[in-house]
Amino acid sequence: MDIVFEHASFAYESFRRTKKASPPEKELPDNAFALRDLCFSITSTQSVAILGRSGSGKSTLLNLFTGLTKPTHGVICIDGENIHSGKVSLSLLRQRLGVVFQFPESQLFELSVYDDVAYGPRNLRLAETVVRQRVHEALNAVGLPPADFSRIDPMHLSQGEKRRAAIAGILAMQPEMLILDEPTAGLDADGRERLIAALHGCRSRGVGVLLISHDTGLAIQFSRRALVLDAGRLSYDGDLSELFRDSSSALRYGLEVPRAIRLAQKLPDHGISSDEMQRLLTDDAFLNHPDQADDNPS
């Protein structure tokens, strides 16, 4: 799947003339825009992190991806087709792009984990044998073995297990890409590590991942490419290790430099060569990335 943003902007409704027509972009004040003139492309073969401080436009961008919000100006294309042209089924698009909201466990409502994960496939009116296969594959993918978790009431799961069960429900729809909004919010260290392992498992199964977060530590554990939003504009599109090579650049965008990077940057003061430091940054920081050879920032 190819996703392309072509000069996409979004202005708040209060600045528009009507819901059907918007004034030319040049006539709107800068503070009218949550997002402005975004140009980038990604594919479902990549693992990408969208970073930015609070209020930079990350949540609005999530809504644009799925067609929940229409850009005020510019277009968003999936596989070469404008998603708002009328030729693209938005319901089908949302099956292809599985969105994991910040607290997806709030969407758990069935009496068993199995039925919760099966809800989506059953709505597709798939045969129960196919539903069962999808549920088992999805639960295994997130580290919740069906034999142990299928019959459990989701409300009896830990917070991290609820999060993974909710993700399993999305995986059971077999999306081409997952879009995750602050996926580790509210999780303890163990829940965080288990969720990261589950996401690596998704990548190893060929599911693309788009991570939307302000958590640079999470991003550097999982992604090679970063898109950085700053005041609604795309300020950086490239390799994460390059972004953090100069701490002042990251700090300018309101991003915290991860502890591992800060440590590596101090090593030359203790006799570690720049070549050895670069090896630490590129190898150790991205350890266990199943897709690192294939992820191209361009």
C-alpha atoms as a PDB file:
ATOM      1  CA  MET A   1       0.000   0.000   0.000  1.00  0.00           C
ATOM      2  CA  ASP A   2       1.295   3.445  -0.948  1.00  0.00           C
ATOM      3  CA  ILE A   3       0.064   6.464   1.023  1.00  0.00           C
ATOM      4  CA  VAL A   4       0.835   9.933  -0.320  1.00  0.00           C
ATOM      5  CA  PHE A   5       0.091  13.355   1.186  1.00  0.00           C
ATOM      6  CA  GLU A   6       0.210  16.067  -1.469  1.00  0.00           C
ATOM      7  CA  HIS A   7       0.291  19.561   0.068  1.00  0.00           C
ATOM      8  CA  ALA A   8      -2.325  18.496   2.598  1.00  0.00           C
ATOM      9  CA  SER A   9      -3.513  21.142   5.076  1.00  0.00           C
ATOM     10  CA  PHE A  10      -6.281  21.208   7.645  1.00  0.00           C
ATOM     11  CA  ALA A  11      -7.854  24.408   8.984  1.00  0.00           C
ATOM     12  CA  TYR A  12     -10.186  24.607  11.951  1.00  0.00           C
ATOM     13  CA  GLU A  13     -13.867  24.825  11.038  1.00  0.00           C
ATOM     14  CA  SER A  14     -14.299  28.250  12.655  1.00  0.00           C
ATOM     15  CA  PHE A  15     -12.015  29.748  10.004  1.00  0.00           C
ATOM     16  CA  ARG A  16     -13.901  28.317   7.023  1.00  0.00           C
ATOM     17  CA  ARG A  17     -16.691  30.032   5.132  1.00  0.00           C
ATOM     18  CA  THR A  18     -18.870  26.938   4.856  1.00  0.00           C
ATOM     19  CA  LYS A  19     -18.458  23.209   5.320  1.00  0.00           C
ATOM     20  CA  LYS A  20     -18.631  22.741   1.556  1.00  0.00           C
ATOM     21  CA  ALA A  21     -16.129  25.369   0.506  1.00  0.00           C
ATOM     22  CA  SER A  22     -12.974  26.741   2.086  1.00  0.00           C
ATOM     23  CA  PRO A  23     -11.267  30.027   1.334  1.00  0.00           C
ATOM     24  CA  PRO A  24      -7.923  29.954  -0.468  1.00  0.00           C
ATOM     25  CA  GLU A  25      -5.137  28.903   1.846  1.00  0.00           C
ATOM     26  CA  LYS A  26      -3.361  32.239   1.501  1.00  0.00           C
ATOM     27  CA  GLU A  27      -6.418  34.030   2.913  1.00  0.00           C
ATOM     28  CA  LEU A  28      -6.334  32.123   6.196  1.00  0.00           C
ATOM     29  CA  PRO A  29      -4.164  33.213   9.150  1.00  0.00           C
ATOM     30  CA  ASP A  30      -1.396  30.895  10.323  1.00  0.00           C
ATOM     31  CA  ASN A  31      -3.237  30.082  13.542  1.00  0.00           C
ATOM     32  CA  ALA A  32      -6.149  28.710  11.504  1.00  0.00           C
ATOM     33  CA  PHE A  33      -4.216  25.546  10.694  1.00  0.00           C
ATOM     34  CA  ALA A  34      -3.712  22.385  12.702  1.00  0.00           C
ATOM     35  CA  LEU A  35      -1.653  21.021   9.796  1.00  0.00           C
ATOM     36  CA  ARG A  36      -0.167  22.862   6.846  1.00  0.00           C
ATOM     37  CA  ASP A  37       1.280  21.828   3.478  1.00  0.00           C
ATOM     38  CA  LEU A  38       2.263  18.251   4.352  1.00  0.00           C
ATOM     39  CA  CYS A  39       4.094  16.413   1.578  1.00  0.00           C
ATOM     40  CA  PHE A  40       5.356  12.872   2.175  1.00  0.00           C
ATOM     41  CA  SER A  41       4.780   9.266   1.172  1.00  0.00           C
ATOM     42  CA  ILE A  42       5.004   5.988   3.064  1.00  0.00           C
ATOM     43  CA  THR A  43       4.410   2.349   2.213  1.00  0.00           C
ATOM     44  CA  SER A  44       3.074  -0.579   4.212  1.00  0.00           C
ATOM     45  CA  THR A  45       6.531  -2.194   4.090  1.00  0.00           C
ATOM     46  CA  GLN A  46       7.953   0.468   6.409  1.00  0.00           C
ATOM     47  CA  SER A  47       8.018   1.093  10.128  1.00  0.00           C
ATOM     48  CA  VAL A  48       7.672   4.856  10.580  1.00  0.00           C
ATOM     49  CA  ALA A  49       7.443   7.079  13.666  1.00  0.00           C
ATOM     50  CA  ILE A  50       5.550  10.365  13.580  1.00  0.00           C
ATOM     51  CA  LEU A  51       6.935  12.494  16.386  1.00  0.00           C
ATOM     52  CA  GLY A  52       6.213  15.909  17.808  1.00  0.00           C
ATOM     53  CA  ARG A  53       5.455  17.786  20.973  1.00  0.00           C
ATOM     54  CA  SER A  54       1.901  18.011  22.328  1.00  0.00           C
ATOM     55  CA  GLY A  55      -0.224  20.197  20.048  1.00  0.00           C
ATOM     56  CA  SER A  56       1.954  19.655  16.986  1.00  0.00           C
ATOM     57  CA  GLY A  57      -0.909  18.095  15.012  1.00  0.00           C
ATOM     58  CA  LYS A  58      -0.309  14.362  15.462  1.00  0.00           C
ATOM     59  CA  SER A  59      -3.902  13.476  16.374  1.00  0.00           C
ATOM     60  CA  THR A  60      -5.293  15.497  13.470  1.00  0.00           C
ATOM     61  CA  LEU A  61      -2.892  13.682  11.161  1.00  0.00           C
ATOM     62  CA  LEU A  62      -4.231  10.338  12.404  1.00  0.00           C
ATOM     63  CA  ASN A  63      -7.759  11.391  11.393  1.00  0.00           C
ATOM     64  CA  LEU A  64      -6.551  12.452   7.945  1.00  0.00           C
ATOM     65  CA  PHE A  65      -4.955   9.061   7.321  1.00  0.00           C
ATOM     66  CA  THR A  66      -8.227   7.215   7.815  1.00  0.00           C
ATOM     67  CA  GLY A  67     -10.513   9.708   6.098  1.00  0.00           C
ATOM     68  CA  LEU A  68     -12.266  10.675   9.348  1.00  0.00           C
ATOM     69  CA  THR A  69     -11.186  14.231   8.557  1.00  0.00           C
ATOM     70  CA  LYS A  70     -10.954  15.730   5.068  1.00  0.00           C
ATOM     71  CA  PRO A  71      -8.056  18.068   4.304  1.00  0.00           C
ATOM     72  CA  THR A  72      -9.011  21.696   3.823  1.00  0.00           C
ATOM     73  CA  HIS A  73      -6.499  21.928   0.982  1.00  0.00           C
ATOM     74  CA  GLY A  74      -4.434  19.322  -0.867  1.00  0.00           C
ATOM     75  CA  VAL A  75      -5.121  15.615  -1.300  1.00  0.00           C
ATOM     76  CA  ILE A  76      -4.371  12.283   0.342  1.00  0.00           C
ATOM     77  CA  CYS A  77      -3.946   9.335  -2.003  1.00  0.00           C
ATOM     78  CA  ILE A  78      -3.938   5.593  -1.423  1.00  0.00           C
ATOM     79  CA  ASP A  79      -2.364   3.616  -4.250  1.00  0.00           C
ATOM     80  CA  GLY A  80      -2.661   6.664  -6.512  1.00  0.00           C
ATOM     81  CA  GLU A  81      -6.344   7.427  -5.791  1.00  0.00           C
ATOM     82  CA  ASN A  82      -7.613  10.437  -3.838  1.00  0.00           C
ATOM     83  CA  ILE A  83      -9.428   8.938  -0.850  1.00  0.00           C
ATOM     84  CA  HIS A  84     -12.093  11.666  -1.021  1.00  0.00           C
ATOM     85  CA  SER A  85     -12.737  11.357  -4.756  1.00  0.00           C
ATOM     86  CA  GLY A  86     -15.732   9.084  -4.239  1.00  0.00           C
ATOM     87  CA  LYS A  87     -13.896   6.213  -5.902  1.00  0.00           C
ATOM     88  CA  VAL A  88     -12.389   4.927  -2.657  1.00  0.00           C
ATOM     89  CA  SER A  89     -14.456   3.033  -0.090  1.00  0.00           C
ATOM     90  CA  LEU A  90     -13.555   4.614   3.256  1.00  0.00           C
ATOM     91  CA  SER A  91     -14.892   1.584   5.127  1.00  0.00           C
ATOM     92  CA  LEU A  92     -12.574  -0.664   3.124  1.00  0.00           C
ATOM     93  CA  LEU A  93      -9.725   1.792   3.673  1.00  0.00           C
ATOM     94  CA  ARG A  94     -10.260   1.522   7.438  1.00  0.00           C
ATOM     95  CA  GLN A  95      -9.989  -2.240   7.164  1.00  0.00           C
ATOM     96  CA  ARG A  96      -6.682  -1.890   5.341  1.00  0.00           C
ATOM     97  CA  LEU A  97      -5.441   0.667   7.892  1.00  0.00           C
ATOM     98  CA  GLY A  98      -5.983  -0.759  11.354  1.00  0.00           C
ATOM     99  CA  VAL A  99      -6.086   2.155  13.818  1.00  0.00           C
ATOM    100  CA  VAL A 100      -5.111   1.577  17.440  1.00  0.00           C
ATOM    101  CA  PHE A 101      -6.241   4.593  19.468  1.00  0.00           C
ATOM    102  CA  GLN A 102      -4.465   5.775  22.589  1.00  0.00           C
ATOM    103  CA  PHE A 103      -6.550   3.659  24.980  1.00  0.00           C
ATOM    104  CA  PRO A 104      -7.973   0.891  22.747  1.00  0.00           C
ATOM    105  CA  GLU A 105      -8.831  -1.277  25.770  1.00  0.00           C
ATOM    106  CA  SER A 106     -11.796   1.041  26.384  1.00  0.00           C
ATOM    107  CA  GLN A 107     -13.336  -0.538  23.281  1.00  0.00           C
ATOM    108  CA  LEU A 108     -13.374  -4.050  24.768  1.00  0.00           C
ATOM    109  CA  PHE A 109     -16.991  -5.029  25.404  1.00  0.00           C
ATOM    110  CA  GLU A 110     -17.551  -8.758  24.874  1.00  0.00           C
ATOM    111  CA  LEU A 111     -17.628 -11.315  27.702  1.00  0.00           C
ATOM    112  CA  SER A 112     -14.549 -13.192  26.512  1.00  0.00           C
ATOM    113  CA  VAL A 113     -11.293 -12.308  24.814  1.00  0.00           C
ATOM    114  CA  TYR A 114     -12.135 -14.718  22.001  1.00  0.00           C
ATOM    115  CA  ASP A 115     -15.460 -13.048  21.210  1.00  0.00           C
ATOM    116  CA  ASP A 116     -13.918  -9.593  21.365  1.00  0.00           C
ATOM    117  CA  VAL A 117     -11.210 -10.481  18.847  1.00  0.00           C
ATOM    118  CA  ALA A 118     -13.763 -12.347  16.702  1.00  0.00           C
ATOM    119  CA  TYR A 119     -16.164  -9.387  16.559  1.00  0.00           C
ATOM    120  CA  GLY A 120     -14.659  -7.776  13.454  1.00  0.00           C
ATOM    121  CA  PRO A 121     -14.234 -10.924  11.363  1.00  0.00           C
ATOM    122  CA  ARG A 122     -17.761 -12.015  12.256  1.00  0.00           C
ATOM    123  CA  ASN A 123     -19.082  -8.668  11.020  1.00  0.00           C
ATOM    124  CA  LEU A 124     -17.440  -9.507   7.709  1.00  0.00           C
ATOM    125  CA  ARG A 125     -19.670 -12.617   7.724  1.00  0.00           C
ATOM    126  CA  LEU A 126     -16.720 -14.958   7.444  1.00  0.00           C
ATOM    127  CA  ALA A 127     -17.162 -18.669   8.082  1.00  0.00           C
ATOM    128  CA  GLU A 128     -16.663 -19.545  11.740  1.00  0.00           C
ATOM    129  CA  THR A 129     -13.694 -21.755  10.859  1.00  0.00           C
ATOM    130  CA  VAL A 130     -12.019 -18.726   9.238  1.00  0.00           C
ATOM    131  CA  VAL A 131     -12.939 -16.554  12.217  1.00  0.00           C
ATOM    132  CA  ARG A 132     -11.372 -19.073  14.592  1.00  0.00           C
ATOM    133  CA  GLN A 133      -8.172 -19.194  12.559  1.00  0.00           C
ATOM    134  CA  ARG A 134      -7.917 -15.396  12.489  1.00  0.00           C
ATOM    135  CA  VAL A 135      -8.562 -15.084  16.210  1.00  0.00           C
ATOM    136  CA  HIS A 136      -5.899 -17.659  17.069  1.00  0.00           C
ATOM    137  CA  GLU A 137      -3.350 -16.084  14.742  1.00  0.00           C
ATOM    138  CA  ALA A 138      -4.037 -12.606  16.133  1.00  0.00           C
ATOM    139  CA  LEU A 139      -3.811 -13.676  19.773  1.00  0.00           C
ATOM    140  CA  ASN A 140      -0.574 -15.546  19.141  1.00  0.00           C
ATOM    141  CA  ALA A 141       0.817 -12.498  17.341  1.00  0.00           C
ATOM    142  CA  VAL A 142       0.377 -10.313  20.428  1.00  0.00           C
ATOM    143  CA  GLY A 143       1.614 -12.911  22.908  1.00  0.00           C
ATOM    144  CA  LEU A 144      -1.750 -13.982  24.332  1.00  0.00           C
ATOM    145  CA  PRO A 145      -1.907 -17.756  23.681  1.00  0.00           C
ATOM    146  CA  PRO A 146      -5.522 -18.720  22.818  1.00  0.00           C
ATOM    147  CA  ALA A 147      -5.443 -21.719  25.138  1.00  0.00           C
ATOM    148  CA  ASP A 148      -4.756 -19.418  28.082  1.00  0.00           C
ATOM    149  CA  PHE A 149      -6.710 -16.274  27.200  1.00  0.00           C
ATOM    150  CA  SER A 150      -9.652 -17.107  24.902  1.00  0.00           C
ATOM    151  CA  ARG A 151     -12.213 -17.664  27.671  1.00  0.00           C
ATOM    152  CA  ILE A 152     -11.078 -14.890  30.003  1.00  0.00           C
ATOM    153  CA  ASP A 153     -13.297 -11.850  30.560  1.00  0.00           C
ATOM    154  CA  PRO A 154     -11.323  -8.897  29.084  1.00  0.00           C
ATOM    155  CA  MET A 155     -12.065  -6.887  32.225  1.00  0.00           C
ATOM    156  CA  HIS A 156      -9.993  -9.405  34.207  1.00  0.00           C
ATOM    157  CA  LEU A 157      -6.863  -8.769  32.139  1.00  0.00           C
ATOM    158  CA  SER A 158      -4.025  -6.501  33.194  1.00  0.00           C
ATOM    159  CA  GLN A 159      -3.794  -3.095  31.526  1.00  0.00           C
ATOM    160  CA  GLY A 160      -1.076  -4.300  29.169  1.00  0.00           C
ATOM    161  CA  GLU A 161      -2.986  -7.482  28.324  1.00  0.00           C
ATOM    162  CA  LYS A 162      -6.102  -5.415  27.553  1.00  0.00           C
ATOM    163  CA  ARG A 163      -4.048  -3.261  25.194  1.00  0.00           C
ATOM    164  CA  ARG A 164      -2.699  -6.325  23.388  1.00  0.00           C
ATOM    165  CA  ALA A 165      -6.148  -7.943  23.220  1.00  0.00           C
ATOM    166  CA  ALA A 166      -7.504  -4.774  21.597  1.00  0.00           C
ATOM    167  CA  ILE A 167      -4.663  -4.845  19.064  1.00  0.00           C
ATOM    168  CA  ALA A 168      -5.421  -8.519  18.378  1.00  0.00           C
ATOM    169  CA  GLY A 169      -8.980  -7.520  17.489  1.00  0.00           C
ATOM    170  CA  ILE A 170      -7.591  -5.171  14.857  1.00  0.00           C
ATOM    171  CA  LEU A 171      -5.063  -7.720  13.580  1.00  0.00           C
ATOM    172  CA  ALA A 172      -7.895 -10.224  13.109  1.00  0.00           C
ATOM    173  CA  MET A 173      -9.201  -7.908  10.384  1.00  0.00           C
ATOM    174  CA  GLN A 174      -5.866  -8.503   8.599  1.00  0.00           C
ATOM    175  CA  PRO A 175      -4.919  -4.860   7.943  1.00  0.00           C
ATOM    176  CA  GLU A 176      -1.995  -4.009   5.720  1.00  0.00           C
ATOM    177  CA  MET A 177      -0.785  -1.397   8.185  1.00  0.00           C
ATOM    178  CA  LEU A 178      -1.295  -0.574  11.849  1.00  0.00           C
ATOM    179  CA  ILE A 179      -1.514   3.066  12.924  1.00  0.00           C
ATOM    180  CA  LEU A 180      -0.868   3.368  16.647  1.00  0.00           C
ATOM    181  CA  ASP A 181      -1.528   6.507  18.684  1.00  0.00           C
ATOM    182  CA  GLU A 182       0.665   6.602  21.830  1.00  0.00           C
ATOM    183  CA  PRO A 183       0.451   2.798  22.214  1.00  0.00           C
ATOM    184  CA  THR A 184       2.414   2.573  25.481  1.00  0.00           C
ATOM    185  CA  ALA A 185       0.517   5.342  27.308  1.00  0.00           C
ATOM    186  CA  GLY A 186      -0.384   4.230  30.826  1.00  0.00           C
ATOM    187  CA  LEU A 187       1.590   0.965  30.688  1.00  0.00           C
ATOM    188  CA  ASP A 188       4.192  -0.114  33.224  1.00  0.00           C
ATOM    189  CA  ALA A 189       7.670  -1.256  32.136  1.00  0.00           C
ATOM    190  CA  ASP A 190       6.654  -4.906  31.719  1.00  0.00           C
ATOM    191  CA  GLY A 191       3.520  -4.036  29.738  1.00  0.00           C
ATOM    192  CA  ARG A 192       5.528  -1.694  27.567  1.00  0.00           C
ATOM    193  CA  GLU A 193       8.167  -4.307  26.704  1.00  0.00           C
ATOM    194  CA  ARG A 194       5.559  -6.975  25.969  1.00  0.00           C
ATOM    195  CA  LEU A 195       3.653  -4.592  23.703  1.00  0.00           C
ATOM    196  CA  ILE A 196       6.838  -3.674  21.829  1.00  0.00           C
ATOM    197  CA  ALA A 197       7.599  -7.384  21.364  1.00  0.00           C
ATOM    198  CA  ALA A 198       4.068  -7.891  20.027  1.00  0.00           C
ATOM    199  CA  LEU A 199       4.522  -5.065  17.532  1.00  0.00           C
ATOM    200  CA  HIS A 200       7.805  -6.538  16.347  1.00  0.00           C
ATOM    201  CA  GLY A 201       5.870  -9.780  15.836  1.00  0.00           C
ATOM    202  CA  CYS A 202       3.374  -7.905  13.669  1.00  0.00           C
ATOM    203  CA  ARG A 203       6.197  -6.495  11.568  1.00  0.00           C
ATOM    204  CA  SER A 204       7.721  -9.938  11.118  1.00  0.00           C
ATOM    205  CA  ARG A 205       4.356 -11.040   9.693  1.00  0.00           C
ATOM    206  CA  GLY A 206       4.467  -8.276   7.089  1.00  0.00           C
ATOM    207  CA  VAL A 207       2.120  -5.766   8.747  1.00  0.00           C
ATOM    208  CA  GLY A 208       3.342  -2.177   8.368  1.00  0.00           C
ATOM    209  CA  VAL A 209       3.436   0.042  11.442  1.00  0.00           C
ATOM    210  CA  LEU A 210       2.961   3.789  11.711  1.00  0.00           C
ATOM    211  CA  LEU A 211       3.729   4.920  15.248  1.00  0.00           C
ATOM    212  CA  ILE A 212       2.349   8.303  16.357  1.00  0.00           C
ATOM    213  CA  SER A 213       3.979   9.389  19.597  1.00  0.00           C
ATOM    214  CA  HIS A 214       5.981  11.937  21.549  1.00  0.00           C
ATOM    215  CA  ASP A 215       7.921   9.021  23.121  1.00  0.00           C
ATOM    216  CA  THR A 216      11.299   9.084  21.390  1.00  0.00           C
ATOM    217  CA  GLY A 217      12.545   6.124  23.417  1.00  0.00           C
ATOM    218  CA  LEU A 218       9.772   3.965  21.997  1.00  0.00           C
ATOM    219  CA  ALA A 219      10.355   5.281  18.491  1.00  0.00           C
ATOM    220  CA  ILE A 220      14.050   4.495  18.498  1.00  0.00           C
ATOM    221  CA  GLN A 221      13.357   0.959  19.684  1.00  0.00           C
ATOM    222  CA  PHE A 222      11.002   0.361  16.817  1.00  0.00           C
ATOM    223  CA  SER A 223      11.366   2.662  13.818  1.00  0.00           C
ATOM    224  CA  ARG A 224      14.107   3.656  11.413  1.00  0.00           C
ATOM    225  CA  ARG A 225      12.366   6.586   9.729  1.00  0.00           C
ATOM    226  CA  ALA A 226      10.919   9.609  11.515  1.00  0.00           C
ATOM    227  CA  LEU A 227       8.495  12.305  10.435  1.00  0.00           C
ATOM    228  CA  VAL A 228       8.567  15.227  12.874  1.00  0.00           C
ATOM    229  CA  LEU A 229       5.675  17.669  13.163  1.00  0.00           C
ATOM    230  CA  ASP A 230       6.322  21.105  14.599  1.00  0.00           C
ATOM    231  CA  ALA A 231       3.459  23.597  14.874  1.00  0.00           C
ATOM    232  CA  GLY A 232       1.528  21.694  12.205  1.00  0.00           C
ATOM    233  CA  ARG A 233       4.322  21.562   9.641  1.00  0.00           C
ATOM    234  CA  LEU A 234       6.541  18.675   8.612  1.00  0.00           C
ATOM    235  CA  SER A 235       9.931  19.786   9.911  1.00  0.00           C
ATOM    236  CA  TYR A 236      11.929  16.589   9.449  1.00  0.00           C
ATOM    237  CA  ASP A 237      11.645  13.446   7.315  1.00  0.00           C
ATOM    238  CA  GLY A 238      14.564  11.066   7.541  1.00  0.00           C
ATOM    239  CA  ASP A 239      16.561   8.602   9.592  1.00  0.00           C
ATOM    240  CA  LEU A 240      16.041   8.613  13.355  1.00  0.00           C
ATOM    241  CA  SER A 241      19.729   8.211  14.136  1.00  0.00           C
ATOM    242  CA  GLU A 242      20.476  11.304  12.055  1.00  0.00           C
ATOM    243  CA  LEU A 243      17.775  13.250  13.895  1.00  0.00           C
ATOM    244  CA  PHE A 244      19.454  12.565  17.230  1.00  0.00           C
ATOM    245  CA  ARG A 245      23.037  12.921  16.041  1.00  0.00           C
ATOM    246  CA  ASP A 246      22.814  16.596  16.993  1.00  0.00           C
ATOM    247  CA  SER A 247      20.799  16.912  20.194  1.00  0.00           C
ATOM    248  CA  SER A 248      20.033  20.573  19.513  1.00  0.00           C
ATOM    249  CA  SER A 249      17.948  19.606  16.472  1.00  0.00           C
ATOM    250  CA  ALA A 250      15.744  17.258  18.468  1.00  0.00           C
ATOM    251  CA  LEU A 251      15.389  19.726  21.319  1.00  0.00           C
ATOM    252  CA  ARG A 252      14.362  22.424  18.853  1.00  0.00           C
ATOM    253  CA  TYR A 253      11.380  20.257  17.879  1.00  0.00           C
ATOM    254  CA  GLY A 254      10.512  19.636  21.528  1.00  0.00           C
ATOM    255  CA  LEU A 255      11.746  16.020  21.464  1.00  0.00           C
ATOM    256  CA  GLU A 256      13.516  14.328  24.335  1.00  0.00           C
ATOM    257  CA  VAL A 257      16.834  12.749  23.385  1.00  0.00           C
ATOM    258  CA  PRO A 258      16.647   9.070  24.495  1.00  0.00           C
ATOM    259  CA  ARG A 259      18.958   8.037  27.326  1.00  0.00           C
ATOM    260  CA  ALA A 260      20.859   5.546  25.155  1.00  0.00           C
ATOM    261  CA  ILE A 261      21.649   8.272  22.625  1.00  0.00           C
ATOM    262  CA  ARG A 262      22.744  10.716  25.318  1.00  0.00           C
ATOM    263  CA  LEU A 263      25.043   8.054  26.720  1.00  0.00           C
ATOM    264  CA  ALA A 264      26.532   7.304  23.301  1.00  0.00           C
ATOM    265  CA  GLN A 265      27.169  11.004  22.726  1.00  0.00           C
ATOM    266  CA  LYS A 266      29.184  11.160  25.938  1.00  0.00           C
ATOM    267  CA  LEU A 267      31.407   8.211  25.053  1.00  0.00           C
ATOM    268  CA  PRO A 268      34.032  10.211  23.091  1.00  0.00           C
ATOM    269  CA  ASP A 269      34.823  12.030  26.326  1.00  0.00           C
ATOM    270  CA  HIS A 270      35.873   8.643  27.696  1.00  0.00           C
ATOM    271  CA  GLY A 271      38.070   7.487  24.838  1.00  0.00           C
ATOM    272  CA  ILE A 272      35.429   5.853  22.601  1.00  0.00           C
ATOM    273  CA  SER A 273      36.058   6.692  18.937  1.00  0.00           C
ATOM    274  CA  SER A 274      33.452   8.336  16.707  1.00  0.00           C
ATOM    275  CA  ASP A 275      33.346   5.185  14.541  1.00  0.00           C
ATOM    276  CA  GLU A 276      32.609   3.038  17.558  1.00  0.00           C
ATOM    277  CA  MET A 277      29.975   5.523  18.734  1.00  0.00           C
ATOM    278  CA  GLN A 278      28.279   5.386  15.324  1.00  0.00           C
ATOM    279  CA  ARG A 279      28.217   1.595  15.515  1.00  0.00           C
ATOM    280  CA  LEU A 280      26.461   1.848  18.872  1.00  0.00           C
ATOM    281  CA  LEU A 281      23.934   4.306  17.494  1.00  0.00           C
ATOM    282  CA  THR A 282      23.104   2.339  14.368  1.00  0.00           C
ATOM    283  CA  ASP A 283      23.401  -1.228  15.655  1.00  0.00           C
ATOM    284  CA  ASP A 284      22.516  -1.278  19.332  1.00  0.00           C
ATOM    285  CA  ALA A 285      19.819   1.391  19.271  1.00  0.00           C
ATOM    286  CA  PHE A 286      17.969  -0.515  16.546  1.00  0.00           C
ATOM    287  CA  LEU A 287      18.646  -3.996  17.886  1.00  0.00           C
ATOM    288  CA  ASN A 288      15.982  -6.593  17.042  1.00  0.00           C
ATOM    289  CA  HIS A 289      14.399  -4.564  14.228  1.00  0.00           C
ATOM    290  CA  PRO A 290      13.159  -7.278  11.860  1.00  0.00           C
ATOM    291  CA  ASP A 291      12.815  -4.802   9.010  1.00  0.00           C
ATOM    292  CA  GLN A 292      15.872  -2.611   9.412  1.00  0.00           C
ATOM    293  CA  ALA A 293      17.494  -3.808   6.192  1.00  0.00           C
ATOM    294  CA  ASP A 294      14.379  -2.972   4.191  1.00  0.00           C
ATOM    295  CA  ASP A 295      13.351   0.352   5.740  1.00  0.00           C
ATOM    296  CA  ASN A 296      14.510   3.167   3.537  1.00  0.00           C
ATOM    297  CA  PRO A 297      13.950   6.673   4.896  1.00  0.00           C
ATOM    298  CA  SER A 298      13.533   8.076   1.400  1.00  0.00           C
END
